[in-house]
Structures are given as structure tokens and as C-alpha cells.
Amino acid sequence: MASAWIEKLKKAQKTCMIQDGRRKIHFVFPDGTEMAEEYDIKSSELVLRKWRRRATLGVKESKWEFEVGEDLLARNVDSEGLLESAANPIFARKDTLSSYQWRIRNLPYSIETYNVTVEPENRTITVRTTNKKYFKKISIPDMDRVQFPLQQSALSIAHANNTLIVTYKKPKEILQMEKEIQEEFKKLKASKDGDVDCTPS
């Protein structure tokens, strides 16, 4: 399944540019779905990934859905234009090279309060608190795309500055796949001042 995902990326129409220390790549798949990714140039760390599904006929362009990183423009404003409470938990995925990582801010409870478990049958990670103040199911689309099973042993948590940090260590197969994808990206021509087709150099 990993090779199938790599092939899908290869076949997508791509444009890329280097800006603000990031390699920005925009993919358009045959079904019209778009994916935009941003990688740190120095570390090759994934900073942002967002998706936009093809809009249905007669509907204005659909919104971007963030898989990694945050939509800073829309984070605090809902569809009615109302501001969210600054005290509400804020959930965002921020990966490292070796792990998938989620940060849930505005959770002041001590680390003993959190029960974080892998549910293999649902392919999710569940975060719950013993005081029943917070509950969240987390999926890992990267693992779903290649149908890799989730393991409790890969999971760890930390808590600091009112933020719960949930970390899932990437399996070696994912690390190898990401290495192959980065090698493909390095073959692409990138503009430093505008979008160009990413054709192999």
C-alpha cells in the first residue's frame, strides 16, 4: 500500500515553489482533489498539509481542511463570525521527522488525568480524562492511506504549560516511505518567486 501512495503522488499534477524557508508543493489528483504540503527546507520536516475536495456542481469552492498544522486565520472564528472562547481546548497536529504529534492546548489537568489509548479496530487514538472534562478521537490519515495497524507501544504522552502532547512513533516502513517521497521531491524543479510545474530536472 505504501508504494501505491507513492505512485499516486507521482501521477498527480504538481506545482512547487521555495518561499520563506519552505518547499511548498501543490498536488492536483485525477479526481480533482487538491493537496498542499509545506516542508522545512533545512530539516525536510512536514510543517503543513491541507486538502480541498472537489466542489459539487453549483457550490462555491470548498474550504481547505487541515491535516497537519493550523488554519490560523479561521481558528478562532466560527461560521457565524463569532469568536471562540480563548479557554477552549485547541487541537493541532505538528509532526516531527520520527513521530506523528498532536498538541492540545488549554488542558490544565495533571498528566495522571489523561487516559490515551489506541483502538486498533477503529484505527483511532482516544484521549479521555478521568474527570470527564475532555474527550477526543484522533485518526492518523498517513497510516490509513497505507493500511498500517496502530500499536499501543508506539504511543506516549507528555504534559507541560497547559498542553497535552500526544506522540505516536512512526513505524520503520513509514520512515522509509517518507524518505522515498523526499527523494522524489528533490528531483523537482522549484521556483523561488512563483509557481512552476514540478517536472523532473
C-alpha atoms as a PDB file:
ATOM      1  CA  MET A   1       0.000   0.000   0.000  1.00  0.00           C
ATOM      2  CA  ALA A   2       2.933   2.359   0.646  1.00  0.00           C
ATOM      3  CA  SER A   3       4.070   2.021  -2.969  1.00  0.00           C
ATOM      4  CA  ALA A   4       0.507   2.735  -4.155  1.00  0.00           C
ATOM      5  CA  TRP A   5       0.536   6.061  -2.265  1.00  0.00           C
ATOM      6  CA  ILE A   6       3.928   6.985  -3.734  1.00  0.00           C
ATOM      7  CA  GLU A   7       2.626   6.184  -7.228  1.00  0.00           C
ATOM      8  CA  LYS A   8      -0.438   8.350  -6.604  1.00  0.00           C
ATOM      9  CA  LEU A   9       1.817  11.272  -5.665  1.00  0.00           C
ATOM     10  CA  LYS A  10       3.983  10.705  -8.743  1.00  0.00           C
ATOM     11  CA  LYS A  11       0.947  10.752 -11.060  1.00  0.00           C
ATOM     12  CA  ALA A  12      -0.577  13.909  -9.561  1.00  0.00           C
ATOM     13  CA  GLN A  13      -0.132  17.244 -11.325  1.00  0.00           C
ATOM     14  CA  LYS A  14       2.332  19.214  -9.193  1.00  0.00           C
ATOM     15  CA  THR A  15       3.479  22.797  -8.841  1.00  0.00           C
ATOM     16  CA  CYS A  16       6.099  23.836  -6.357  1.00  0.00           C
ATOM     17  CA  MET A  17       7.999  26.812  -5.073  1.00  0.00           C
ATOM     18  CA  ILE A  18      10.529  27.654  -2.385  1.00  0.00           C
ATOM     19  CA  GLN A  19       9.454  30.527  -0.148  1.00  0.00           C
ATOM     20  CA  ASP A  20      10.164  31.625   3.434  1.00  0.00           C
ATOM     21  CA  GLY A  21      12.494  28.667   4.019  1.00  0.00           C
ATOM     22  CA  ARG A  22       9.846  26.162   2.955  1.00  0.00           C
ATOM     23  CA  ARG A  23       9.341  23.889  -0.037  1.00  0.00           C
ATOM     24  CA  LYS A  24       5.666  24.333  -0.967  1.00  0.00           C
ATOM     25  CA  ILE A  25       4.096  21.680  -3.186  1.00  0.00           C
ATOM     26  CA  HIS A  26       0.569  21.748  -4.579  1.00  0.00           C
ATOM     27  CA  PHE A  27      -0.899  18.474  -5.883  1.00  0.00           C
ATOM     28  CA  VAL A  28      -3.983  18.001  -8.066  1.00  0.00           C
ATOM     29  CA  PHE A  29      -5.158  14.387  -8.305  1.00  0.00           C
ATOM     30  CA  PRO A  30      -7.158  12.992 -11.256  1.00  0.00           C
ATOM     31  CA  ASP A  31     -10.457  13.236  -9.317  1.00  0.00           C
ATOM     32  CA  GLY A  32      -9.909  16.980  -8.803  1.00  0.00           C
ATOM     33  CA  THR A  33      -8.896  16.665  -5.138  1.00  0.00           C
ATOM     34  CA  GLU A  34      -6.104  19.066  -4.155  1.00  0.00           C
ATOM     35  CA  MET A  35      -3.408  18.621  -1.515  1.00  0.00           C
ATOM     36  CA  ALA A  36      -0.948  21.304  -0.431  1.00  0.00           C
ATOM     37  CA  GLU A  37       2.165  20.493   1.606  1.00  0.00           C
ATOM     38  CA  GLU A  38       4.934  22.622   3.089  1.00  0.00           C
ATOM     39  CA  TYR A  39       8.296  21.229   4.208  1.00  0.00           C
ATOM     40  CA  ASP A  40      11.092  22.940   6.114  1.00  0.00           C
ATOM     41  CA  ILE A  41      13.964  23.228   3.639  1.00  0.00           C
ATOM     42  CA  LYS A  42      16.726  22.506   6.189  1.00  0.00           C
ATOM     43  CA  SER A  43      15.149  19.619   8.119  1.00  0.00           C
ATOM     44  CA  SER A  44      12.679  18.243   5.485  1.00  0.00           C
ATOM     45  CA  GLU A  45      10.101  18.244   8.316  1.00  0.00           C
ATOM     46  CA  LEU A  46       6.457  18.404   7.223  1.00  0.00           C
ATOM     47  CA  VAL A  47       5.073  21.709   8.522  1.00  0.00           C
ATOM     48  CA  LEU A  48       1.662  21.803   6.856  1.00  0.00           C
ATOM     49  CA  ARG A  49      -0.668  19.530   4.885  1.00  0.00           C
ATOM     50  CA  LYS A  50      -4.151  20.534   3.817  1.00  0.00           C
ATOM     51  CA  TRP A  51      -6.777  19.081   1.487  1.00  0.00           C
ATOM     52  CA  ARG A  52      -9.520  20.532  -0.668  1.00  0.00           C
ATOM     53  CA  ARG A  53     -12.147  18.205  -2.116  1.00  0.00           C
ATOM     54  CA  ARG A  54     -13.666  18.926  -5.487  1.00  0.00           C
ATOM     55  CA  ALA A  55     -16.707  21.178  -5.036  1.00  0.00           C
ATOM     56  CA  THR A  56     -20.075  19.837  -6.189  1.00  0.00           C
ATOM     57  CA  LEU A  57     -21.802  21.495  -9.129  1.00  0.00           C
ATOM     58  CA  GLY A  58     -23.264  24.875  -8.256  1.00  0.00           C
ATOM     59  CA  VAL A  59     -21.380  25.102  -4.965  1.00  0.00           C
ATOM     60  CA  LYS A  60     -18.632  27.666  -4.459  1.00  0.00           C
ATOM     61  CA  GLU A  61     -15.092  26.398  -3.974  1.00  0.00           C
ATOM     62  CA  SER A  62     -14.811  24.123  -0.939  1.00  0.00           C
ATOM     63  CA  LYS A  63     -12.696  25.075   2.073  1.00  0.00           C
ATOM     64  CA  TRP A  64      -9.257  23.717   2.842  1.00  0.00           C
ATOM     65  CA  GLU A  65      -9.230  21.002   5.529  1.00  0.00           C
ATOM     66  CA  PHE A  66      -6.037  20.977   7.614  1.00  0.00           C
ATOM     67  CA  GLU A  67      -4.437  17.581   8.319  1.00  0.00           C
ATOM     68  CA  VAL A  68      -1.118  18.910   9.670  1.00  0.00           C
ATOM     69  CA  GLY A  69      -0.540  22.424  11.015  1.00  0.00           C
ATOM     70  CA  GLU A  70      -3.156  25.026  11.866  1.00  0.00           C
ATOM     71  CA  ASP A  71      -5.519  27.287   9.962  1.00  0.00           C
ATOM     72  CA  LEU A  72      -4.509  30.388  11.891  1.00  0.00           C
ATOM     73  CA  LEU A  73      -6.973  32.617  10.022  1.00  0.00           C
ATOM     74  CA  ALA A  74     -10.024  30.515  10.862  1.00  0.00           C
ATOM     75  CA  ARG A  75      -9.005  29.077  14.211  1.00  0.00           C
ATOM     76  CA  ASN A  76     -10.917  31.495  16.420  1.00  0.00           C
ATOM     77  CA  VAL A  77     -13.877  32.384  14.213  1.00  0.00           C
ATOM     78  CA  ASP A  78     -16.821  30.088  13.551  1.00  0.00           C
ATOM     79  CA  SER A  79     -19.274  30.136  10.625  1.00  0.00           C
ATOM     80  CA  GLU A  80     -21.349  32.877  12.285  1.00  0.00           C
ATOM     81  CA  GLY A  81     -18.285  35.078  12.704  1.00  0.00           C
ATOM     82  CA  LEU A  82     -18.318  34.577  16.491  1.00  0.00           C
ATOM     83  CA  LEU A  83     -15.059  34.324  18.424  1.00  0.00           C
ATOM     84  CA  GLU A  84     -14.361  31.072  20.238  1.00  0.00           C
ATOM     85  CA  SER A  85     -13.593  31.265  23.934  1.00  0.00           C
ATOM     86  CA  ALA A  86      -9.849  31.604  24.452  1.00  0.00           C
ATOM     87  CA  ALA A  87     -10.153  28.938  27.161  1.00  0.00           C
ATOM     88  CA  ASN A  88     -11.434  26.198  24.804  1.00  0.00           C
ATOM     89  CA  PRO A  89      -9.013  23.345  24.069  1.00  0.00           C
ATOM     90  CA  ILE A  90      -7.129  23.930  20.795  1.00  0.00           C
ATOM     91  CA  PHE A  91      -6.161  20.798  18.865  1.00  0.00           C
ATOM     92  CA  ALA A  92      -3.416  20.769  16.215  1.00  0.00           C
ATOM     93  CA  ARG A  93      -1.110  18.218  14.647  1.00  0.00           C
ATOM     94  CA  LYS A  94       2.586  19.129  14.493  1.00  0.00           C
ATOM     95  CA  ASP A  95       4.788  16.253  13.362  1.00  0.00           C
ATOM     96  CA  THR A  96       8.466  15.589  13.870  1.00  0.00           C
ATOM     97  CA  LEU A  97      10.680  13.593  11.498  1.00  0.00           C
ATOM     98  CA  SER A  98      10.287  10.454  13.623  1.00  0.00           C
ATOM     99  CA  SER A  99       6.776  10.845  15.065  1.00  0.00           C
ATOM    100  CA  TYR A 100       3.219  11.982  14.467  1.00  0.00           C
ATOM    101  CA  GLN A 101       2.433  14.507  17.181  1.00  0.00           C
ATOM    102  CA  TRP A 102      -0.649  16.335  18.388  1.00  0.00           C
ATOM    103  CA  ARG A 103      -0.774  19.258  20.786  1.00  0.00           C
ATOM    104  CA  ILE A 104      -3.968  20.002  22.710  1.00  0.00           C
ATOM    105  CA  ARG A 105      -3.648  23.400  24.352  1.00  0.00           C
ATOM    106  CA  ASN A 106      -5.745  24.753  27.249  1.00  0.00           C
ATOM    107  CA  LEU A 107      -5.828  21.435  29.125  1.00  0.00           C
ATOM    108  CA  PRO A 108      -4.688  22.352  32.658  1.00  0.00           C
ATOM    109  CA  TYR A 109      -5.119  18.935  34.315  1.00  0.00           C
ATOM    110  CA  SER A 110      -2.151  16.925  35.600  1.00  0.00           C
ATOM    111  CA  ILE A 111      -0.805  14.125  33.421  1.00  0.00           C
ATOM    112  CA  GLU A 112      -2.410  11.422  35.635  1.00  0.00           C
ATOM    113  CA  THR A 113      -5.826  12.701  34.488  1.00  0.00           C
ATOM    114  CA  TYR A 114      -5.346  11.584  30.873  1.00  0.00           C
ATOM    115  CA  ASN A 115      -6.071   8.129  29.536  1.00  0.00           C
ATOM    116  CA  VAL A 116      -4.765   7.829  25.975  1.00  0.00           C
ATOM    117  CA  THR A 117      -5.296   4.526  24.179  1.00  0.00           C
ATOM    118  CA  VAL A 118      -5.029   3.028  20.714  1.00  0.00           C
ATOM    119  CA  GLU A 119      -8.207   1.404  19.432  1.00  0.00           C
ATOM    120  CA  PRO A 120      -6.923  -0.899  16.647  1.00  0.00           C
ATOM    121  CA  GLU A 121     -10.374  -1.909  15.401  1.00  0.00           C
ATOM    122  CA  ASN A 122     -11.354   1.743  14.795  1.00  0.00           C
ATOM    123  CA  ARG A 123      -7.840   2.792  13.717  1.00  0.00           C
ATOM    124  CA  THR A 124      -8.004   5.700  16.185  1.00  0.00           C
ATOM    125  CA  ILE A 125      -6.296   7.071  19.277  1.00  0.00           C
ATOM    126  CA  THR A 126      -8.718   8.056  22.038  1.00  0.00           C
ATOM    127  CA  VAL A 127      -7.921  10.793  24.550  1.00  0.00           C
ATOM    128  CA  ARG A 128     -10.151  10.919  27.621  1.00  0.00           C
ATOM    129  CA  THR A 129      -9.848  12.438  31.069  1.00  0.00           C
ATOM    130  CA  THR A 130     -10.803  10.767  34.332  1.00  0.00           C
ATOM    131  CA  ASN A 131     -12.754  13.921  35.293  1.00  0.00           C
ATOM    132  CA  LYS A 132     -14.784  13.628  32.044  1.00  0.00           C
ATOM    133  CA  LYS A 133     -13.838  17.175  31.010  1.00  0.00           C
ATOM    134  CA  TYR A 134     -12.292  16.241  27.657  1.00  0.00           C
ATOM    135  CA  PHE A 135     -12.755  13.509  25.030  1.00  0.00           C
ATOM    136  CA  LYS A 136     -11.200  13.283  21.577  1.00  0.00           C
ATOM    137  CA  LYS A 137     -10.730  10.623  18.896  1.00  0.00           C
ATOM    138  CA  ILE A 138      -7.633  11.065  16.732  1.00  0.00           C
ATOM    139  CA  SER A 139      -7.046   9.371  13.398  1.00  0.00           C
ATOM    140  CA  ILE A 140      -3.739   9.127  11.520  1.00  0.00           C
ATOM    141  CA  PRO A 141      -4.605   9.553   7.817  1.00  0.00           C
ATOM    142  CA  ASP A 142      -0.984   8.715   6.849  1.00  0.00           C
ATOM    143  CA  MET A 143      -1.357   5.268   8.445  1.00  0.00           C
ATOM    144  CA  ASP A 144      -4.863   4.832   6.976  1.00  0.00           C
ATOM    145  CA  ARG A 145      -3.633   5.549   3.447  1.00  0.00           C
ATOM    146  CA  VAL A 146      -1.194   2.642   3.627  1.00  0.00           C
ATOM    147  CA  GLN A 147      -3.377   0.477   5.925  1.00  0.00           C
ATOM    148  CA  PHE A 148      -0.745   0.044   8.632  1.00  0.00           C
ATOM    149  CA  PRO A 149      -2.076  -1.180  12.022  1.00  0.00           C
ATOM    150  CA  LEU A 150      -1.801   1.062  15.091  1.00  0.00           C
ATOM    151  CA  GLN A 151       0.169  -0.156  18.120  1.00  0.00           C
ATOM    152  CA  GLN A 152      -0.253   0.968  21.742  1.00  0.00           C
ATOM    153  CA  SER A 153       3.518   0.564  22.249  1.00  0.00           C
ATOM    154  CA  ALA A 154       4.193   3.396  19.767  1.00  0.00           C
ATOM    155  CA  LEU A 155       2.138   5.857  21.831  1.00  0.00           C
ATOM    156  CA  SER A 156       3.399   8.243  24.533  1.00  0.00           C
ATOM    157  CA  ILE A 157       2.144  11.419  26.210  1.00  0.00           C
ATOM    158  CA  ALA A 158       3.608  14.432  27.971  1.00  0.00           C
ATOM    159  CA  HIS A 159       2.071  17.483  29.633  1.00  0.00           C
ATOM    160  CA  ALA A 160       3.552  20.956  30.042  1.00  0.00           C
ATOM    161  CA  ASN A 161       2.307  24.573  30.009  1.00  0.00           C
ATOM    162  CA  ASN A 162      -1.375  23.505  29.990  1.00  0.00           C
ATOM    163  CA  THR A 163      -0.709  21.483  26.823  1.00  0.00           C
ATOM    164  CA  LEU A 164      -1.128  17.738  26.371  1.00  0.00           C
ATOM    165  CA  ILE A 165       1.344  16.346  23.821  1.00  0.00           C
ATOM    166  CA  VAL A 166       0.385  13.012  22.244  1.00  0.00           C
ATOM    167  CA  THR A 167       3.193  11.328  20.293  1.00  0.00           C
ATOM    168  CA  TYR A 168       2.952   8.277  18.027  1.00  0.00           C
ATOM    169  CA  LYS A 169       6.300   6.898  16.836  1.00  0.00           C
ATOM    170  CA  LYS A 170       6.335   6.289  13.080  1.00  0.00           C
ATOM    171  CA  PRO A 171       6.987   2.663  12.093  1.00  0.00           C
ATOM    172  CA  LYS A 172      10.130   1.981  10.073  1.00  0.00           C
ATOM    173  CA  GLU A 173       8.044   1.296   6.943  1.00  0.00           C
ATOM    174  CA  ILE A 174       6.572   4.812   7.126  1.00  0.00           C
ATOM    175  CA  LEU A 175      10.021   6.339   7.658  1.00  0.00           C
ATOM    176  CA  GLN A 176      11.293   4.508   4.576  1.00  0.00           C
ATOM    177  CA  MET A 177       8.274   5.635   2.532  1.00  0.00           C
ATOM    178  CA  GLU A 178       8.771   9.265   3.601  1.00  0.00           C
ATOM    179  CA  LYS A 179      12.458   9.021   2.660  1.00  0.00           C
ATOM    180  CA  GLU A 180      11.469   7.809  -0.831  1.00  0.00           C
ATOM    181  CA  ILE A 181       8.935  10.647  -1.183  1.00  0.00           C
ATOM    182  CA  GLN A 182      11.573  13.226  -0.190  1.00  0.00           C
ATOM    183  CA  GLU A 183      13.933  11.778  -2.812  1.00  0.00           C
ATOM    184  CA  GLU A 184      11.194  12.293  -5.424  1.00  0.00           C
ATOM    185  CA  PHE A 185      10.668  15.893  -4.291  1.00  0.00           C
ATOM    186  CA  LYS A 186      14.378  16.629  -4.643  1.00  0.00           C
ATOM    187  CA  LYS A 187      14.111  15.765  -8.365  1.00  0.00           C
ATOM    188  CA  LEU A 188      11.527  18.507  -8.903  1.00  0.00           C
ATOM    189  CA  LYS A 189      12.310  21.936 -10.239  1.00  0.00           C
ATOM    190  CA  ALA A 190      11.118  24.658  -7.890  1.00  0.00           C
ATOM    191  CA  SER A 191      10.704  28.372  -8.478  1.00  0.00           C
ATOM    192  CA  LYS A 192      11.894  30.809  -5.829  1.00  0.00           C
ATOM    193  CA  ASP A 193       9.500  33.554  -6.865  1.00  0.00           C
ATOM    194  CA  GLY A 194       6.463  31.871  -8.373  1.00  0.00           C
ATOM    195  CA  ASP A 195       4.743  28.598  -9.156  1.00  0.00           C
ATOM    196  CA  VAL A 196       6.108  26.350 -11.864  1.00  0.00           C
ATOM    197  CA  ASP A 197       5.279  22.818 -12.966  1.00  0.00           C
ATOM    198  CA  CYS A 198       7.345  20.369 -10.930  1.00  0.00           C
ATOM    199  CA  THR A 199       8.839  18.324 -13.712  1.00  0.00           C
ATOM    200  CA  PRO A 200      11.900  16.158 -13.018  1.00  0.00           C
ATOM    201  CA  SER A 201      15.123  18.015 -13.728  1.00  0.00           C
END
